[in-house]
Amino acid sequence: MLEPREGIPPVVETEDALAEVIAAFAAGTGPVAVDAERASGYRYGQRAYLVQLRREGAGTALIDPVGCPDLSGLGEALAGTEWILHAATQDLPCLRDIGMLPTSLFDTELAGRLAGFPRVGLGAMVESVLGYALEKGHSAVDWSTRPLPEPWLRYAALDVELLVDLRDALEKELDRQGKLEWAHQEFDAIASAPPAPPRKDPWRRTSGMHKVRRRRQMAVVRELWTARDKVAQRRDVSPGKVLSDAAIVEAALAVPVNVGAPRPARFRQPHEPPPAGAVAGRGRPRPRPPESELPSPASRSPARPAARLGRQGPGRRGPPRGGPHRGLRPRRGAEPPQENLITPDTVRRVCWEPPTPATPDTVSAALTGHGARPWQVELVTPLLVKALSVTA
């Protein structure tokens, strides 16, 4: 499919044009296909720079959130209407920021996962389910560019062109597999979920952080990450364009391990033997200390004695990854991935603090308390009761 059915619609950039779109979509029928384009990798944050919609009787609309930053009127006009999104959890935060939030939705990516499709990208799903090939060459462009080129607008319009047809086909497939109720429970949970709280210690997610083991090195990563984030926010650019994660980690690893030790002239290659007198580390790596036990900004000097950096903190904040929860995925034909069947963290927490006694009722209550859906509780409870009874 190379062109939208009604051609490329004009971009809505004024309040008068937005009012016409709101009236048209309020008068439309059936569900509405929704998509949003961001400038990830180019701009700071996850702001939406283009919103695409399509509904029977209203056609396709391309709305510029820069010219029309408040779309709450459109969200109110679509209240009670089912929204169709692909990978809804990625688009809902930026749509919420401009006043659009669904009361019910159908996530075609999650539906594909539950149905057991091996590839759940929009292009792959449309091709395998509907038989159309979509050109996806503009998915990673800078959508903050103005004006937007015509090929990009064509790509954006095609993203919602077939979402309604894809939704109908996936609904039939889920119903055939007996998983439609599973999907509805998941969709309702996504639509009613509150905004996610800010991530604690976001600097710990720096790519390559697994190489950093010592407290002083972690403090370097934290300070460089924080400074980079402030610069990126002030300049409205992606943090990676200010300083890469690899550079932050390399700078942290270059900090001398011992106070007064010379900085290494170069990094040892993997095939080189360790220097004389070095002792190879054994066992599991040391647990990472919490934020409160890392050096403060006032103690960033490498000459600060290691004894003043605080004691080694506790290990992993949550329960361990091993234990009786391994291998609990039921075998029932085309099963969804394990993280959709039941989140590993939920199972780990129940195994780490199992109910006593471990009966179906107590295990079901524990799973529900950790946020498992009813269909997940029904499938996992018998296996979890059996695993806990074996390890008791």
Foldseek 3Di string as FASTA:
>chain_A
DQAFPVGQDDEAQAPVSLVVLLVQVLPFDAAKEKDFAAQPQWFPDGATQWIWIAGHRRGIYIYGCVSVVAPLSSQVSCEPHEYEYAPCVSVQVNCVRRNHAYQFYAHQQLLCLQLQPPDRDLQVLCCVQVNDGADDPCRNPRSNDPPDDPSVSRSVHVSRRCRVVSRVRSCVSCVVVVNNVVRRLVRNCVRPPDDDDDDPPVLCPQPPNVVDADLLLVVQSSVVVVVLSVVSNVVRTHSCVVPHSVRSNVVSVQQDPAAPDDGDPDDDDPVDDDDPPDDDDDDDGAAQADPVQHDDPVPNDSNDHPVPSHDHHDHDPAADQDALPPPQDDDDPSGRDPCSLPNSRLLRRCRRPPDVPLDLVRSLVSSVVVPDGPVSSVRRSVSSSVSSVVVD
